[in-house]
């Protein structure tokens, strides 16, 4: 049994290979934002389902338009945060164990989402959002595929941490 544990705790072989997933997120995110910008009229919802619209919006803030009303400093603040987070998460990824594939995927999703939104911030000064869910008169803030990737990555991190906590209790 100790041999099995030893195999599980060995370093992951080429953990940065998971950055292909981050690159895929970036490509899909930028492609869908470009299509939304080309095909949609700003602020004009296009109903897809009774609870879902495509609505082109520009967000100068962060999630839920946090700090969007400020005079532009937040663009650079969020750019620095995205760069710092991507570097930090890449370093974390480079140190993963062989058994931590879910964690590698989660980190790659977050990195890809952060860099997809970073591109928008640096190029346009805002992030392109276009996915809009609502119920009656209640609208969830619009978002994009980078935001979906970040959310899925965060869920993966939470799942992995809960799994680790349960695993340590059994040991």
C-alpha atoms as a PDB file:
ATOM      1  CA  UNK A   1       0.000   0.000   0.000  1.00  0.00           C
ATOM      2  CA  UNK A   2       2.810   2.534   0.702  1.00  0.00           C
ATOM      3  CA  UNK A   3       4.020   2.015  -2.888  1.00  0.00           C
ATOM      4  CA  UNK A   4       0.579   3.010  -4.195  1.00  0.00           C
ATOM      5  CA  UNK A   5       0.602   6.203  -2.108  1.00  0.00           C
ATOM      6  CA  UNK A   6       4.128   6.946  -3.299  1.00  0.00           C
ATOM      7  CA  UNK A   7       3.011   6.680  -6.937  1.00  0.00           C
ATOM      8  CA  UNK A   8       0.071   9.034  -6.290  1.00  0.00           C
ATOM      9  CA  UNK A   9       2.299  11.626  -4.626  1.00  0.00           C
ATOM     10  CA  UNK A  10       4.901  11.775  -7.378  1.00  0.00           C
ATOM     11  CA  UNK A  11       5.072  15.012  -9.406  1.00  0.00           C
ATOM     12  CA  UNK A  12       2.826  15.281 -12.447  1.00  0.00           C
ATOM     13  CA  UNK A  13       4.658  14.598 -15.711  1.00  0.00           C
ATOM     14  CA  UNK A  14       4.728  17.891 -17.662  1.00  0.00           C
ATOM     15  CA  UNK A  15       1.935  19.655 -15.731  1.00  0.00           C
ATOM     16  CA  UNK A  16       2.131  22.771 -17.905  1.00  0.00           C
ATOM     17  CA  UNK A  17       0.831  20.708 -20.816  1.00  0.00           C
ATOM     18  CA  UNK A  18      -2.582  21.569 -19.321  1.00  0.00           C
ATOM     19  CA  UNK A  19      -2.103  25.077 -20.666  1.00  0.00           C
ATOM     20  CA  UNK A  20      -3.544  23.757 -23.955  1.00  0.00           C
ATOM     21  CA  UNK A  21      -6.915  23.984 -22.170  1.00  0.00           C
ATOM     22  CA  UNK A  22      -6.234  27.615 -21.252  1.00  0.00           C
ATOM     23  CA  UNK A  23      -5.330  28.326 -24.889  1.00  0.00           C
ATOM     24  CA  UNK A  24      -8.557  26.667 -26.060  1.00  0.00           C
ATOM     25  CA  UNK A  25     -10.585  28.800 -23.649  1.00  0.00           C
ATOM     26  CA  UNK A  26      -8.868  31.947 -24.945  1.00  0.00           C
ATOM     27  CA  UNK A  27      -9.517  31.063 -28.596  1.00  0.00           C
ATOM     28  CA  UNK A  28     -13.183  30.166 -28.022  1.00  0.00           C
ATOM     29  CA  UNK A  29     -13.752  33.189 -25.802  1.00  0.00           C
ATOM     30  CA  UNK A  30     -12.229  35.688 -28.239  1.00  0.00           C
ATOM     31  CA  UNK A  31     -13.975  34.092 -31.216  1.00  0.00           C
ATOM     32  CA  UNK A  32     -17.410  34.239 -29.572  1.00  0.00           C
ATOM     33  CA  UNK A  33     -16.820  37.834 -28.420  1.00  0.00           C
ATOM     34  CA  UNK A  34     -15.825  38.807 -31.963  1.00  0.00           C
ATOM     35  CA  UNK A  35     -18.958  37.160 -33.353  1.00  0.00           C
ATOM     36  CA  UNK A  36     -21.156  38.837 -30.732  1.00  0.00           C
ATOM     37  CA  UNK A  37     -19.578  42.217 -31.499  1.00  0.00           C
ATOM     38  CA  UNK A  38     -20.038  41.727 -35.260  1.00  0.00           C
ATOM     39  CA  UNK A  39     -23.564  40.305 -35.225  1.00  0.00           C
ATOM     40  CA  UNK A  40     -25.299  41.977 -32.294  1.00  0.00           C
ATOM     41  CA  UNK A  41     -26.350  45.580 -31.803  1.00  0.00           C
ATOM     42  CA  UNK A  42     -25.172  47.021 -28.515  1.00  0.00           C
ATOM     43  CA  UNK A  43     -27.812  46.726 -25.810  1.00  0.00           C
ATOM     44  CA  UNK A  44     -30.405  45.092 -28.098  1.00  0.00           C
ATOM     45  CA  UNK A  45     -31.440  41.674 -26.731  1.00  0.00           C
ATOM     46  CA  UNK A  46     -31.928  38.791 -29.137  1.00  0.00           C
ATOM     47  CA  UNK A  47     -34.162  36.203 -27.506  1.00  0.00           C
ATOM     48  CA  UNK A  48     -32.890  32.642 -27.813  1.00  0.00           C
ATOM     49  CA  UNK A  49     -35.022  31.045 -25.078  1.00  0.00           C
ATOM     50  CA  UNK A  50     -37.725  32.468 -22.803  1.00  0.00           C
ATOM     51  CA  UNK A  51     -35.025  32.832 -20.108  1.00  0.00           C
ATOM     52  CA  UNK A  52     -31.954  33.549 -22.261  1.00  0.00           C
ATOM     53  CA  UNK A  53     -30.918  36.395 -24.563  1.00  0.00           C
ATOM     54  CA  UNK A  54     -27.830  37.301 -26.476  1.00  0.00           C
ATOM     55  CA  UNK A  55     -27.196  40.936 -25.534  1.00  0.00           C
ATOM     56  CA  UNK A  56     -23.979  42.748 -26.424  1.00  0.00           C
ATOM     57  CA  UNK A  57     -22.715  44.754 -23.451  1.00  0.00           C
ATOM     58  CA  UNK A  58     -19.374  46.294 -22.471  1.00  0.00           C
ATOM     59  CA  UNK A  59     -18.210  45.902 -18.884  1.00  0.00           C
ATOM     60  CA  UNK A  60     -15.448  48.231 -17.654  1.00  0.00           C
ATOM     61  CA  UNK A  61     -15.573  46.629 -14.200  1.00  0.00           C
ATOM     62  CA  UNK A  62     -15.153  43.096 -12.934  1.00  0.00           C
ATOM     63  CA  UNK A  63     -17.759  40.449 -12.117  1.00  0.00           C
ATOM     64  CA  UNK A  64     -21.250  41.926 -11.790  1.00  0.00           C
ATOM     65  CA  UNK A  65     -19.798  45.251 -13.065  1.00  0.00           C
ATOM     66  CA  UNK A  66     -17.890  45.735  -9.815  1.00  0.00           C
ATOM     67  CA  UNK A  67     -16.077  49.117 -10.003  1.00  0.00           C
ATOM     68  CA  UNK A  68     -17.480  49.808 -13.489  1.00  0.00           C
ATOM     69  CA  UNK A  69     -18.509  53.347 -12.579  1.00  0.00           C
ATOM     70  CA  UNK A  70     -14.975  54.593 -11.892  1.00  0.00           C
ATOM     71  CA  UNK A  71     -12.842  56.745 -14.172  1.00  0.00           C
ATOM     72  CA  UNK A  72     -10.653  54.066 -15.786  1.00  0.00           C
ATOM     73  CA  UNK A  73      -8.036  53.120 -13.183  1.00  0.00           C
ATOM     74  CA  UNK A  74      -9.850  49.803 -12.667  1.00  0.00           C
ATOM     75  CA  UNK A  75      -8.874  48.724 -16.203  1.00  0.00           C
ATOM     76  CA  UNK A  76      -5.224  48.597 -15.183  1.00  0.00           C
ATOM     77  CA  UNK A  77      -5.953  47.238 -11.721  1.00  0.00           C
ATOM     78  CA  UNK A  78      -7.864  44.273 -13.159  1.00  0.00           C
ATOM     79  CA  UNK A  79      -5.176  43.780 -15.821  1.00  0.00           C
ATOM     80  CA  UNK A  80      -2.505  43.496 -13.114  1.00  0.00           C
ATOM     81  CA  UNK A  81      -4.731  41.115 -11.117  1.00  0.00           C
ATOM     82  CA  UNK A  82      -5.267  38.905 -14.202  1.00  0.00           C
ATOM     83  CA  UNK A  83      -1.558  38.802 -15.012  1.00  0.00           C
ATOM     84  CA  UNK A  84      -0.583  38.107 -11.404  1.00  0.00           C
ATOM     85  CA  UNK A  85      -3.235  35.413 -11.010  1.00  0.00           C
ATOM     86  CA  UNK A  86      -2.206  33.729 -14.266  1.00  0.00           C
ATOM     87  CA  UNK A  87       1.450  33.663 -13.237  1.00  0.00           C
ATOM     88  CA  UNK A  88       0.631  32.414  -9.740  1.00  0.00           C
ATOM     89  CA  UNK A  89      -1.728  29.718 -11.007  1.00  0.00           C
ATOM     90  CA  UNK A  90       0.833  28.606 -13.603  1.00  0.00           C
ATOM     91  CA  UNK A  91       3.453  28.228 -10.883  1.00  0.00           C
ATOM     92  CA  UNK A  92       0.937  26.246  -8.807  1.00  0.00           C
ATOM     93  CA  UNK A  93       0.192  24.089 -11.857  1.00  0.00           C
ATOM     94  CA  UNK A  94       3.896  23.389 -12.391  1.00  0.00           C
ATOM     95  CA  UNK A  95       4.053  21.838  -8.900  1.00  0.00           C
ATOM     96  CA  UNK A  96       1.054  19.500  -9.138  1.00  0.00           C
ATOM     97  CA  UNK A  97       1.135  15.841  -8.207  1.00  0.00           C
ATOM     98  CA  UNK A  98       0.286  13.082 -10.680  1.00  0.00           C
ATOM     99  CA  UNK A  99      -3.136  12.524  -9.108  1.00  0.00           C
ATOM    100  CA  UNK A 100      -4.208  16.173  -9.404  1.00  0.00           C
ATOM    101  CA  UNK A 101      -5.631  16.185 -12.926  1.00  0.00           C
ATOM    102  CA  UNK A 102      -8.910  17.857 -11.909  1.00  0.00           C
ATOM    103  CA  UNK A 103      -6.907  20.588 -10.212  1.00  0.00           C
ATOM    104  CA  UNK A 104      -4.777  21.029 -13.353  1.00  0.00           C
ATOM    105  CA  UNK A 105      -7.900  21.406 -15.502  1.00  0.00           C
ATOM    106  CA  UNK A 106      -9.456  23.842 -13.013  1.00  0.00           C
ATOM    107  CA  UNK A 107      -6.340  26.009 -12.949  1.00  0.00           C
ATOM    108  CA  UNK A 108      -6.135  25.976 -16.757  1.00  0.00           C
ATOM    109  CA  UNK A 109      -9.776  27.077 -17.052  1.00  0.00           C
ATOM    110  CA  UNK A 110      -9.191  29.984 -14.686  1.00  0.00           C
ATOM    111  CA  UNK A 111      -5.998  31.023 -16.485  1.00  0.00           C
ATOM    112  CA  UNK A 112      -7.716  30.884 -19.881  1.00  0.00           C
ATOM    113  CA  UNK A 113     -10.686  32.903 -18.664  1.00  0.00           C
ATOM    114  CA  UNK A 114      -8.502  35.496 -16.977  1.00  0.00           C
ATOM    115  CA  UNK A 115      -6.360  35.935 -20.101  1.00  0.00           C
ATOM    116  CA  UNK A 116      -9.400  36.072 -22.399  1.00  0.00           C
ATOM    117  CA  UNK A 117     -10.867  38.932 -20.380  1.00  0.00           C
ATOM    118  CA  UNK A 118      -7.416  40.531 -20.043  1.00  0.00           C
ATOM    119  CA  UNK A 119      -7.161  40.730 -23.835  1.00  0.00           C
ATOM    120  CA  UNK A 120     -10.442  42.664 -23.930  1.00  0.00           C
ATOM    121  CA  UNK A 121      -9.369  45.032 -21.160  1.00  0.00           C
ATOM    122  CA  UNK A 122      -6.060  45.835 -22.841  1.00  0.00           C
ATOM    123  CA  UNK A 123      -7.471  46.053 -26.368  1.00  0.00           C
ATOM    124  CA  UNK A 124     -10.846  47.736 -25.804  1.00  0.00           C
ATOM    125  CA  UNK A 125     -10.772  49.090 -22.269  1.00  0.00           C
ATOM    126  CA  UNK A 126     -13.759  46.900 -21.385  1.00  0.00           C
ATOM    127  CA  UNK A 127     -14.800  43.251 -21.429  1.00  0.00           C
ATOM    128  CA  UNK A 128     -17.321  42.110 -24.040  1.00  0.00           C
ATOM    129  CA  UNK A 129     -20.293  40.328 -22.451  1.00  0.00           C
ATOM    130  CA  UNK A 130     -23.178  38.832 -24.370  1.00  0.00           C
ATOM    131  CA  UNK A 131     -24.773  35.908 -22.503  1.00  0.00           C
ATOM    132  CA  UNK A 132     -27.823  37.119 -20.590  1.00  0.00           C
ATOM    133  CA  UNK A 133     -30.135  34.998 -18.440  1.00  0.00           C
ATOM    134  CA  UNK A 134     -33.295  36.362 -16.871  1.00  0.00           C
ATOM    135  CA  UNK A 135     -36.510  35.392 -15.098  1.00  0.00           C
ATOM    136  CA  UNK A 136     -39.402  37.744 -15.643  1.00  0.00           C
ATOM    137  CA  UNK A 137     -38.008  41.212 -14.899  1.00  0.00           C
ATOM    138  CA  UNK A 138     -34.958  39.876 -13.007  1.00  0.00           C
ATOM    139  CA  UNK A 139     -31.762  39.778 -15.026  1.00  0.00           C
ATOM    140  CA  UNK A 140     -28.551  37.996 -14.063  1.00  0.00           C
ATOM    141  CA  UNK A 141     -25.541  40.158 -15.054  1.00  0.00           C
ATOM    142  CA  UNK A 142     -24.402  39.427 -18.608  1.00  0.00           C
ATOM    143  CA  UNK A 143     -21.237  37.357 -18.984  1.00  0.00           C
ATOM    144  CA  UNK A 144     -19.049  35.598 -21.579  1.00  0.00           C
ATOM    145  CA  UNK A 145     -17.236  32.294 -22.115  1.00  0.00           C
ATOM    146  CA  UNK A 146     -14.181  33.480 -20.169  1.00  0.00           C
ATOM    147  CA  UNK A 147     -16.460  34.018 -17.172  1.00  0.00           C
ATOM    148  CA  UNK A 148     -17.918  30.534 -17.644  1.00  0.00           C
ATOM    149  CA  UNK A 149     -14.400  29.051 -17.688  1.00  0.00           C
ATOM    150  CA  UNK A 150     -13.409  30.970 -14.536  1.00  0.00           C
ATOM    151  CA  UNK A 151     -16.580  29.799 -12.775  1.00  0.00           C
ATOM    152  CA  UNK A 152     -16.075  26.166 -13.817  1.00  0.00           C
ATOM    153  CA  UNK A 153     -12.439  26.376 -12.716  1.00  0.00           C
ATOM    154  CA  UNK A 154     -13.457  27.803  -9.340  1.00  0.00           C
ATOM    155  CA  UNK A 155     -16.011  24.992  -8.942  1.00  0.00           C
ATOM    156  CA  UNK A 156     -13.235  22.501  -9.729  1.00  0.00           C
ATOM    157  CA  UNK A 157     -11.019  24.076  -7.067  1.00  0.00           C
ATOM    158  CA  UNK A 158     -13.827  23.860  -4.511  1.00  0.00           C
ATOM    159  CA  UNK A 159     -14.568  20.257  -5.451  1.00  0.00           C
ATOM    160  CA  UNK A 160     -10.899  19.342  -5.197  1.00  0.00           C
ATOM    161  CA  UNK A 161     -10.531  21.022  -1.803  1.00  0.00           C
ATOM    162  CA  UNK A 162     -13.625  19.240  -0.462  1.00  0.00           C
ATOM    163  CA  UNK A 163     -12.298  15.943  -1.800  1.00  0.00           C
ATOM    164  CA  UNK A 164      -8.951  16.583  -0.098  1.00  0.00           C
ATOM    165  CA  UNK A 165     -10.652  17.397   3.214  1.00  0.00           C
ATOM    166  CA  UNK A 166     -12.663  14.167   3.068  1.00  0.00           C
ATOM    167  CA  UNK A 167      -9.558  12.208   2.067  1.00  0.00           C
ATOM    168  CA  UNK A 168      -7.562  13.504   5.031  1.00  0.00           C
ATOM    169  CA  UNK A 169     -10.360  12.582   7.445  1.00  0.00           C
ATOM    170  CA  UNK A 170     -10.284   8.970   6.208  1.00  0.00           C
ATOM    171  CA  UNK A 171      -6.504   8.673   6.585  1.00  0.00           C
END
